Protein backbone atom coordinates (compact mmCIF):
# COMPACT_ATOMS: atom_id res chain seq x y z
CA MET A 1 0.43 -0.08 0.09
CA PRO A 2 1.49 3.72 -0.42
CA LEU A 3 2.68 5.21 2.46
CA ARG A 4 -0.11 7.39 4.21
CA VAL A 5 -0.07 8.59 7.76
CA PHE A 6 -3.35 8.99 9.65
CA PRO A 7 -3.03 11.38 12.56
CA PHE A 8 -5.67 9.28 14.96
CA ARG A 9 -4.45 5.88 15.23
CA GLU A 10 -5.64 4.58 18.84
CA CYS A 11 -5.68 1.88 20.17
CA TYR A 12 -8.69 0.36 22.73
CA CYS A 13 -7.76 -2.01 25.45
CA PRO A 14 -10.82 -2.56 27.63
CA ALA A 15 -9.58 -4.35 30.68
CA HIS A 16 -12.16 -6.75 31.51
CA PHE A 17 -13.08 -10.19 30.79
CA GLY A 18 -10.13 -11.45 32.21
CA ASN A 19 -8.53 -10.57 28.93
CA SER A 20 -4.77 -9.70 29.68
CA TYR A 21 -5.25 -5.81 29.72
CA GLU A 22 -7.49 -7.17 32.92
CA ALA A 23 -4.67 -10.05 33.72
CA MET A 24 -1.36 -7.57 33.39
CA TRP A 25 0.62 -5.93 36.57
CA PRO A 26 1.67 -2.49 35.89
CA ASP A 27 5.06 -2.92 34.65
CA GLU A 28 3.92 -5.47 32.22
CA MET A 29 1.93 -3.25 31.17
CA SER A 30 3.85 -0.29 30.92
CA ASP A 31 6.72 -2.18 28.79
CA TYR A 32 3.34 -3.33 26.73
CA LEU A 33 2.36 -0.25 26.21
CA ALA A 34 5.73 1.02 24.52
CA GLU A 35 5.96 -1.82 22.27
CA MET A 36 2.88 -0.44 20.75
CA LYS A 37 4.47 2.98 20.68
CA HIS A 38 7.48 1.55 19.10
CA TRP A 39 4.62 0.39 16.26
CA GLY A 40 3.31 3.65 15.58
CA PHE A 41 0.15 4.33 17.86
CA ASN A 42 -0.44 7.84 19.30
CA ARG A 43 -3.34 7.14 21.70
CA TYR A 44 -4.61 5.17 23.96
CA ALA A 45 -8.28 3.98 25.04
CA ASP A 46 -9.58 2.27 28.03
CA TRP A 47 -13.27 1.43 29.19
CA ILE A 48 -14.51 2.43 32.39
CA THR A 49 -15.48 -0.97 33.53
CA THR A 50 -18.66 -1.69 35.74
CA THR A 51 -19.28 -5.13 34.11
CA ASP A 52 -19.05 -8.24 37.22
CA VAL A 53 -18.31 -6.02 40.27
CA CYS A 54 -19.94 -3.68 42.54
CA ASN A 55 -19.18 0.48 42.91
CA PRO A 56 -15.77 0.78 44.21
CA TYR A 57 -16.47 4.38 45.66
CA ALA A 58 -19.11 2.49 47.76
CA SER A 59 -16.86 -0.16 49.58
CA GLU A 60 -14.55 0.16 52.80
CA ALA A 61 -12.89 -3.14 51.23
CA TYR A 62 -9.41 -1.31 49.68
CA TRP A 63 -8.36 -5.07 48.68
CA ASP A 64 -11.78 -6.01 46.83
CA LEU A 65 -11.76 -6.57 42.86
CA ALA A 66 -13.17 -3.39 41.84
CA THR A 67 -10.99 -1.25 43.35
CA GLU A 68 -7.87 -3.57 42.38
CA LEU A 69 -9.28 -3.35 38.53
CA LEU A 70 -9.92 0.77 38.59
CA ASP A 71 -6.13 1.08 40.55
CA ARG A 72 -5.00 -1.28 37.37
CA LYS A 73 -6.74 1.18 35.17
CA LYS A 74 -5.42 4.47 36.43
CA ARG A 75 -1.94 3.00 36.22
CA ALA A 76 -1.92 2.00 32.95
CA PHE A 77 -3.66 5.49 31.80
CA ARG A 78 -0.84 7.19 33.73
CA ALA A 79 1.62 5.06 32.06
CA ALA A 80 0.84 5.63 28.35
CA GLN A 81 0.20 9.41 29.45
CA ALA A 82 4.25 9.52 30.53
CA LEU A 83 5.11 7.85 27.29
CA GLY A 84 3.70 10.78 25.12
CA PHE A 85 -0.04 9.01 24.41
CA ASP A 86 -3.46 11.05 24.19
CA LEU A 87 -5.81 9.67 26.13
CA ASN A 88 -9.28 8.36 25.68
CA LEU A 89 -11.83 7.06 28.11
CA ILE A 90 -14.78 4.75 26.53
CA VAL A 91 -18.06 5.06 28.17
CA THR A 92 -20.98 3.36 27.87
CA LEU A 93 -23.58 5.74 29.49
CA ASN A 94 -26.00 3.98 31.54
CA HIS A 95 -24.29 0.68 32.21
CA VAL A 96 -24.21 0.95 36.19
CA TYR A 97 -22.61 -1.29 38.90
CA LEU A 98 -24.30 -4.41 40.32
CA ASP A 99 -24.95 -3.13 43.50
CA GLN A 100 -26.75 0.10 42.27
CA LEU A 101 -28.91 -2.22 39.74
CA ARG A 102 -32.83 -2.42 41.43
CA PRO A 103 -36.09 -4.05 39.24
CA GLU A 104 -38.14 -0.30 39.60
CA ARG A 105 -34.03 1.80 37.82
CA ALA A 106 -33.91 -1.48 35.26
CA ALA A 107 -33.46 -0.74 31.82
CA THR A 108 -36.38 -2.41 28.99
CA LYS A 109 -34.37 -4.90 27.14
CA ASP A 110 -34.30 -6.31 23.16
CA SER A 111 -31.83 -8.47 20.97
CA ARG A 112 -28.84 -5.13 21.19
CA ILE A 113 -29.64 -4.19 24.82
CA PHE A 114 -28.23 -6.54 27.33
CA GLY A 115 -26.00 -6.21 30.30
CA GLN A 116 -26.11 -4.19 33.89
CA LEU A 117 -28.62 -1.30 32.26
CA VAL A 118 -30.74 1.38 33.88
CA CYS A 119 -33.53 3.64 32.20
CA PRO A 120 -31.89 7.51 32.04
CA SER A 121 -35.77 8.41 31.35
CA ARG A 122 -36.32 8.06 35.10
CA PRO A 123 -35.30 11.45 36.71
CA GLU A 124 -33.89 9.32 40.12
CA VAL A 125 -31.99 6.88 37.69
CA ARG A 126 -30.26 9.57 35.46
CA ARG A 127 -28.61 11.79 38.85
CA LEU A 128 -26.88 7.90 39.69
CA VAL A 129 -25.98 8.12 35.94
CA LEU A 130 -24.26 11.03 36.38
CA GLY A 131 -22.86 10.99 39.74
CA ASN A 132 -20.85 7.96 38.41
CA PHE A 133 -19.33 10.55 35.83
CA GLU A 134 -18.89 12.75 38.25
CA ARG A 135 -16.81 10.32 40.20
CA TRP A 136 -14.80 8.63 37.40
CA PHE A 137 -13.62 12.36 35.96
CA GLN A 138 -12.90 13.71 39.13
CA ASP A 139 -11.27 10.83 40.33
CA PHE A 140 -8.75 10.86 36.78
CA ALA A 141 -8.46 14.30 37.50
CA ALA A 142 -7.18 14.15 40.71
CA SER A 143 -4.95 10.84 39.90
CA GLY A 144 -2.74 12.88 37.46
CA ILE A 145 -4.77 11.79 34.36
CA ARG A 146 -5.37 14.21 31.35
CA LEU A 147 -8.40 13.07 29.00
CA ALA A 148 -8.40 14.17 25.93
CA ALA A 149 -11.48 12.73 24.63
CA PHE A 150 -14.00 10.18 25.65
CA THR A 151 -16.16 8.19 23.74
CA ALA A 152 -19.76 6.96 24.30
CA PHE A 153 -21.72 3.46 22.91
CA ALA A 154 -25.13 3.77 22.30
CA TYR A 155 -25.33 -0.18 22.62
CA ASP A 156 -23.05 -3.23 23.85
CA TYR A 157 -23.47 -2.33 26.79
CA GLY A 158 -26.06 -0.02 26.81
CA GLY A 159 -29.58 1.43 25.48
CA CYS A 160 -33.66 1.10 26.66
CA ALA A 161 -36.44 -0.03 25.18
CA CYS A 162 -39.08 1.40 26.81
CA LYS A 163 -41.54 4.16 25.45
CA HIS A 164 -39.76 6.85 27.41
CA CYS A 165 -36.57 6.13 25.77
CA GLN A 166 -37.79 5.93 22.24
CA PRO A 167 -35.93 6.29 20.15
CA TRP A 168 -32.82 5.29 22.26
CA ILE A 169 -30.20 7.13 19.93
CA LEU A 170 -31.98 10.58 20.75
CA THR A 171 -32.09 9.38 24.58
CA PHE A 172 -28.47 9.22 24.17
CA ALA A 173 -27.22 11.52 22.32
CA ARG A 174 -29.06 14.38 25.30
CA LEU A 175 -27.56 12.38 27.83
CA LEU A 176 -24.32 11.86 26.26
CA ARG A 177 -24.18 16.07 26.50
CA GLU A 178 -24.65 15.92 29.95
CA VAL A 179 -22.08 13.41 30.75
CA HIS A 180 -19.75 15.93 28.73
CA SER A 181 -20.56 18.60 30.64
CA VAL A 182 -19.53 16.85 33.32
CA ALA A 183 -15.85 15.71 32.07
CA GLU A 184 -15.14 19.55 31.29
CA LYS A 185 -15.18 20.72 34.47
CA HIS A 186 -12.56 17.68 35.12
CA HIS A 187 -10.67 17.73 31.81
CA PRO A 188 -10.89 21.07 30.35
CA GLY A 189 -11.42 21.03 26.55
CA ILE A 190 -12.05 16.92 26.40
CA GLU A 191 -13.68 16.22 22.73
CA PRO A 192 -17.00 14.04 22.91
CA TRP A 193 -16.95 11.51 20.41
CA VAL A 194 -18.95 8.65 19.90
CA CYS A 195 -18.53 5.00 18.14
CA SER A 196 -21.16 3.77 15.61
CA TRP A 197 -21.12 0.12 16.49
CA TRP A 198 -24.35 -1.65 15.36
CA TRP A 199 -26.24 1.80 14.78
CA THR A 200 -28.53 1.53 12.09
CA PRO A 201 -29.24 3.92 8.63
CA GLU A 202 -31.65 5.56 10.37
CA GLU A 203 -30.24 6.06 13.67
CA HIS A 204 -27.41 7.64 11.95
CA ALA A 205 -29.63 9.91 10.19
CA LEU A 206 -31.74 10.74 13.60
CA PHE A 207 -28.50 11.52 15.18
CA ASN A 208 -27.15 13.70 12.41
CA ARG A 209 -30.81 16.08 12.80
CA TRP A 210 -30.35 16.06 16.48
CA ALA A 211 -26.85 17.25 16.23
CA ALA A 212 -27.72 19.72 13.27
CA ASP A 213 -31.05 21.30 15.33
CA GLU A 214 -29.55 20.86 19.20
CA ALA A 215 -26.22 20.97 18.91
CA PRO A 216 -24.16 21.94 15.90
CA GLY A 217 -20.52 21.55 15.72
CA TRP A 218 -20.18 20.24 19.05
CA LEU A 219 -19.06 16.45 18.00
CA LYS A 220 -15.67 16.14 17.61
CA ALA A 221 -15.49 12.39 16.26
CA MET A 222 -17.30 9.45 15.24
CA THR A 223 -15.69 6.15 15.05
CA LEU A 224 -17.84 4.43 12.52
CA HIS A 225 -18.29 0.32 12.39
CA ILE A 226 -16.75 -2.05 10.04
CA GLU A 227 -18.77 -5.26 10.11
CA TYR A 228 -16.86 -8.62 10.44
CA GLY A 229 -15.32 -9.46 6.85
CA GLN A 230 -15.70 -5.97 5.41
CA THR A 231 -12.97 -3.72 5.26
CA CYS A 232 -14.79 0.11 5.42
CA PHE A 233 -17.59 1.77 7.43
CA LYS A 234 -20.65 2.53 5.70
CA ASN A 235 -20.26 5.62 3.69
CA VAL A 236 -22.54 7.32 5.77
CA PRO A 237 -22.59 11.29 6.45
CA VAL A 238 -21.38 12.54 9.73
CA PRO A 239 -22.26 15.67 11.66
CA ALA A 240 -21.49 19.30 10.35
CA GLY A 241 -17.23 19.57 11.95
CA CYS A 242 -17.09 15.76 12.89
CA ARG A 243 -14.06 13.87 12.40
CA LYS A 244 -14.19 10.77 10.51
CA LEU A 245 -12.19 7.61 12.57
CA ALA A 246 -12.57 3.81 11.71
CA PHE A 247 -13.31 1.23 14.21
CA VAL A 248 -11.14 -1.56 13.91
CA HIS A 249 -11.60 -4.75 14.84
CA ILE A 250 -7.55 -6.12 15.35
CA GLY A 251 -9.00 -9.16 17.10
CA TYR A 252 -9.21 -11.78 14.18
CA SER A 253 -7.60 -13.22 10.87
CA ASP A 254 -8.20 -11.79 7.30
CA ASN A 255 -10.97 -14.59 7.28
CA ALA A 256 -13.58 -14.11 8.95
CA ALA A 257 -15.62 -17.30 8.72
CA VAL A 258 -13.38 -19.42 10.27
CA ARG A 259 -13.54 -18.39 13.92
CA ASP A 260 -9.56 -17.70 14.82
CA LEU A 261 -10.34 -14.72 17.14
CA TYR A 262 -10.22 -13.42 20.54
CA THR A 263 -7.30 -16.08 21.83
CA LYS A 264 -9.46 -19.48 20.80
CA TRP A 265 -6.55 -20.21 18.04
CA GLY A 266 -3.40 -18.27 19.19
CA ALA A 267 -1.66 -15.63 17.30
CA VAL A 268 -4.18 -13.79 14.87
CA VAL A 269 -2.58 -12.04 11.93
CA ALA A 270 -4.22 -9.98 8.99
CA PRO A 271 -1.64 -9.06 6.40
CA SER A 272 -4.32 -8.66 3.29
CA ARG A 273 -7.54 -7.37 5.46
CA LEU A 274 -6.10 -4.52 7.54
CA PRO A 275 -4.02 -2.87 4.47
CA ARG A 276 -7.23 -2.72 2.57
CA THR A 277 -8.91 -1.24 5.08
CA LEU A 278 -6.55 1.48 5.65
CA ASP A 279 -6.60 2.09 1.67
CA ASP A 280 -10.68 1.82 1.75
CA VAL A 281 -11.24 3.60 5.17
CA ALA A 282 -8.84 6.42 3.71
CA ALA A 283 -10.46 7.09 0.18
CA HIS A 284 -14.41 7.38 2.56
CA GLY A 285 -12.43 10.57 4.51
CA ALA A 286 -11.37 9.07 7.67
CA GLN A 287 -8.95 10.28 9.24
CA GLY A 288 -7.61 7.42 11.67
CA PHE A 289 -8.63 4.49 13.65
CA GLN A 290 -9.75 3.17 17.06
CA ALA A 291 -8.10 -0.36 16.85
CA TYR A 292 -10.22 -2.32 18.82
CA SER A 293 -7.83 -5.05 20.39
CA GLU A 294 -9.37 -7.63 23.44
CA GLY A 295 -5.73 -9.00 24.27
CA VAL A 296 -2.37 -9.53 23.37
CA PHE A 297 -2.64 -12.38 20.98
CA ASP A 298 -3.31 -9.60 18.26
CA ASP A 299 0.25 -8.64 18.40
CA VAL A 300 0.98 -8.94 15.06
CA ASN A 301 -1.82 -6.84 13.96
CA LYS A 302 -0.94 -3.99 16.15
CA ALA A 303 2.12 -3.70 14.29
CA LEU A 304 0.55 -4.21 10.79
CA LEU A 305 -1.98 -1.46 12.01
CA ALA A 306 0.24 1.32 13.45
CA GLY A 307 2.80 0.57 11.50
CA LEU A 308 1.30 0.94 8.34
CA GLY A 309 -1.22 3.78 9.14
CA SER A 310 1.85 5.88 10.70
CA GLY A 311 3.76 5.68 7.37
CA ARG A 312 6.86 3.84 9.26
CA PHE A 313 6.24 0.95 6.62
CA ALA A 314 5.46 0.38 2.62
CA ASP A 315 3.48 -2.71 2.88
CA ALA A 316 2.55 -5.55 5.10
CA GLU A 317 5.73 -8.10 4.75
CA GLU A 318 7.84 -5.23 5.54
CA VAL A 319 6.27 -5.10 8.79
CA LEU A 320 6.16 -8.53 9.35
CA ARG A 321 9.81 -8.57 8.66
CA ALA A 322 10.48 -6.17 11.21
CA TYR A 323 8.83 -7.85 13.48
CA ALA A 324 10.62 -10.67 13.10
CA GLN A 325 13.82 -8.58 13.78
CA ARG A 326 13.11 -7.29 16.72
CA TYR A 327 10.96 -10.32 18.80
CA PHE A 328 12.72 -13.17 17.04
CA ASP A 329 16.19 -12.23 16.86
CA ALA A 330 16.09 -13.15 13.05
CA ALA A 331 18.63 -11.87 10.03
CA PRO A 332 17.29 -10.65 7.02
CA ALA A 333 16.69 -13.78 5.35
CA HIS A 334 15.44 -15.54 8.01
CA ALA A 335 13.20 -12.20 8.21
CA ARG A 336 11.67 -12.78 5.32
CA ARG A 337 10.99 -16.52 5.68
CA TRP A 338 9.21 -15.38 8.87
CA ALA A 339 7.25 -13.16 7.39
CA GLN A 340 5.69 -15.14 4.45
CA TRP A 341 4.88 -17.92 7.12
CA MET A 342 3.24 -15.01 9.66
CA ALA A 343 1.10 -14.14 6.36
CA SER A 344 0.07 -17.90 5.94
CA TRP A 345 -1.98 -17.47 8.67
CA GLY A 346 -4.29 -14.94 7.34
CA ASP A 347 -6.40 -17.98 7.15
CA ARG A 348 -5.71 -20.62 9.49
CA THR A 349 -7.02 -23.14 7.25
CA GLN A 350 -4.59 -22.78 4.40
CA PRO A 351 -1.56 -23.69 6.02
CA SER A 352 -0.42 -26.72 4.84
CA LEU A 353 0.75 -29.48 7.92
CA PRO A 354 2.90 -30.36 9.12
CA GLU A 355 5.32 -28.76 7.34
CA ALA A 356 4.36 -25.49 8.43
CA GLY A 357 4.86 -26.79 12.10
CA ARG A 358 8.30 -27.93 10.83
CA GLU A 359 9.43 -24.63 9.25
CA LEU A 360 8.22 -23.02 12.59
CA GLU A 361 11.21 -24.91 14.28
CA ARG A 362 13.56 -24.22 11.69
CA LEU A 363 12.59 -20.55 11.75
CA ALA A 364 12.89 -20.45 15.43
CA ALA A 365 15.91 -22.95 16.22
CA GLY A 366 17.53 -20.66 18.60
CA THR A 367 14.93 -18.11 19.26
CA PRO A 368 14.95 -17.72 23.28
CA ALA A 369 11.72 -18.75 24.56
CA ALA A 370 8.66 -16.04 25.37
CA TRP A 371 4.95 -15.58 24.68
CA ARG A 372 5.27 -14.29 20.95
CA LEU A 373 6.83 -17.40 19.72
CA GLU A 374 4.80 -19.91 21.81
CA HIS A 375 1.63 -18.33 20.30
CA TRP A 376 2.30 -19.53 17.39
CA ARG A 377 3.26 -22.99 18.29
CA ARG A 378 0.15 -23.38 19.67
CA LYS A 379 -1.60 -22.00 17.12
CA VAL A 380 0.22 -25.17 14.75
CA ILE A 381 -1.13 -27.50 17.72
CA LEU A 382 -4.34 -26.88 17.84
CA GLU A 383 -4.78 -26.24 14.16
CA ALA A 384 -3.56 -29.68 13.94
CA LEU A 385 -5.56 -31.00 16.28
CA ASP A 386 -8.79 -29.94 14.70
CA ARG A 387 -8.35 -31.03 11.48
CA LYS A 388 -7.70 -34.55 12.77
CA ILE A 389 -11.09 -34.11 14.43
CA GLY A 390 -12.92 -33.10 11.28
CA VAL A 391 -16.45 -31.93 11.97
CA PRO A 392 -18.21 -35.68 13.02
CA GLY A 393 -21.46 -36.40 13.70
CA GLU A 394 -22.84 -37.05 17.50
CA GLU A 395 -22.84 -40.85 16.57
CA GLU A 396 -19.42 -40.56 15.05
CA TRP A 397 -17.92 -39.70 18.15
CA THR A 398 -15.26 -42.50 18.42
CA ASP A 399 -13.21 -43.04 21.75
CA ASP A 400 -10.27 -41.82 19.57
CA LYS A 401 -12.26 -38.83 18.56
CA LEU A 402 -13.01 -37.48 21.94
CA ARG A 403 -9.39 -37.98 23.29
CA LEU A 404 -8.48 -35.80 20.40
CA ALA A 405 -11.18 -33.71 21.82
CA ASP A 406 -9.70 -33.55 25.30
CA LYS A 407 -6.45 -32.46 23.92
CA PHE A 408 -7.41 -29.72 22.04
CA TRP A 409 -8.81 -28.78 25.39
CA ALA A 410 -6.08 -29.00 27.86
CA GLU A 411 -3.71 -27.35 24.66
CA GLN A 412 -5.93 -24.51 24.23
CA GLU A 413 -6.34 -23.95 28.30
CA ARG A 414 -2.31 -23.93 28.58
CA LEU A 415 -2.33 -21.20 25.48
CA GLN A 416 -4.64 -19.40 27.50
CA ARG A 417 -3.04 -20.39 31.20
CA GLN A 418 0.30 -20.70 30.55
CA VAL A 419 1.16 -18.59 27.57
CA TYR A 420 -0.82 -15.43 28.01
CA GLY A 421 -1.03 -15.62 31.91
CA LEU A 422 -4.92 -15.46 31.70
CA GLY A 423 -7.19 -16.20 34.98
CA PRO A 424 -10.39 -16.69 35.22
CA VAL A 425 -11.56 -15.30 31.90
CA ARG A 426 -15.51 -14.41 30.74
CA HIS A 427 -18.08 -13.23 27.91
CA VAL A 428 -16.10 -13.36 24.83
CA PHE A 429 -13.26 -15.56 26.48
CA ALA A 430 -15.60 -18.43 27.67
CA ARG A 431 -15.33 -21.45 25.60
CA LYS A 432 -18.70 -21.90 24.32
CA PHE A 433 -18.12 -18.29 22.36
CA SER A 434 -17.54 -18.78 19.27
CA PRO A 435 -15.82 -22.19 19.61
CA PRO A 436 -14.40 -24.96 17.04
CA ARG A 437 -17.19 -26.42 13.83
CA TRP A 438 -17.26 -29.49 15.86
CA TYR A 439 -18.15 -28.31 19.66
CA ASP A 440 -21.85 -28.76 19.21
CA SER A 441 -21.97 -32.03 18.58
CA TRP A 442 -19.07 -32.59 20.52
CA MET A 443 -21.59 -31.18 23.41
CA ARG A 444 -24.31 -33.30 22.58
CA ALA A 445 -22.39 -36.73 22.18
CA THR A 446 -20.50 -36.49 25.56
CA ALA A 447 -23.59 -35.44 27.17
CA ARG A 448 -25.12 -38.79 25.59
CA GLN A 449 -22.10 -40.93 26.78
CA SER A 450 -22.70 -38.59 30.48
CA ASP A 451 -26.11 -40.03 30.37
CA LYS A 452 -25.15 -43.35 29.87
CA GLY A 453 -22.57 -43.41 32.38
CA ASN A 454 -25.48 -42.11 35.32
CA MET A 455 -28.02 -44.62 33.96
CA ARG A 456 -25.01 -47.89 34.60
CA GLU A 457 -24.40 -46.03 38.44
CA GLU A 458 -28.33 -46.26 39.05
CA ALA A 459 -28.47 -49.65 37.72
């Protein structure tokens, strides 16, 4: 791709669900942020997490989970700030702490609306929501954190489908302006941004009309949602004076259909999708991107997106060669082979096995053991096991197939625990989220085996 510099190069690293960013200790996170800067990111973002925890500001226990997670979040922001990153806080407006949920406060749910949500059309609930933001923005400022922007999501999590909140996108917009007033008190000049994740074309039109009528020139950026398998956002208009940015999912490979995402198969690489994405979003007027990352498994994709988007590298192969030289101590000739080998995993079903495994071991000979090497080794092992299992029907789960599945789960556990250092994982990291194609038939087959075992015991 031609050299092109995007001024806004942000990595959104939500520390939640047991992922790498939640699991990392402060020095470890600081070191990793320095690597992100090396590749070309100039902005850092994290989500204000309320999922799974009670309000840390209402607790007298300084050692509880909510307090620890909030403290790690603030340390990461300070480390990023010290490295020269601009900071962005991601927020979901009506998502509250567990102990703030009450039946009388609850949001009305639908297919897009889920989570720990309250209805902001109730005056007492709106006060609760704004009170949370007051504490957050005040606390961050008191902790030495200077936020350049905050980005609000209307969905995932967010929303209320009650008649008073309809249309939700306008309730969201008006509440967002109130939140911005709170943020300005503690972070003067902070920019309000929104992300259009899951917005419909009708919602874009409603929001734009509202902005023109009630808040002209107020919104400073919109990160536009790119759907799985696509390389550009829908070409929708944005409010006057609002920058277009691309919300780029870097947590999966080139091929969205093969479920190669969210730590399940190890390293992900998208050497075709990401360069094409940068070309396409630039052609549609994007001034930058917000890379959505759920952990260090997408480390290669970080290098690709930031390396190309900052103009440091001319094409994906050049980035991958530099990656191999930096992390695998590869000489130039080996770096080229490394680049070709990594790029071949853009679609995990395509590399030839076991030759791909043998080539990895030839390339890695003499390379010090480290997680960046190990998650590629685990990828090869998991792929080999998956191909041996195939997609058997329920009656085809022989003892040999069942043993292979046990090996697969054991290898995936080693990947997540020993390589990525994760503890309890939730949500997209759970086994049942984007599992192998044989998962459903395996579940039914193992349930049948379990039932037979119970019958024998009862007999």
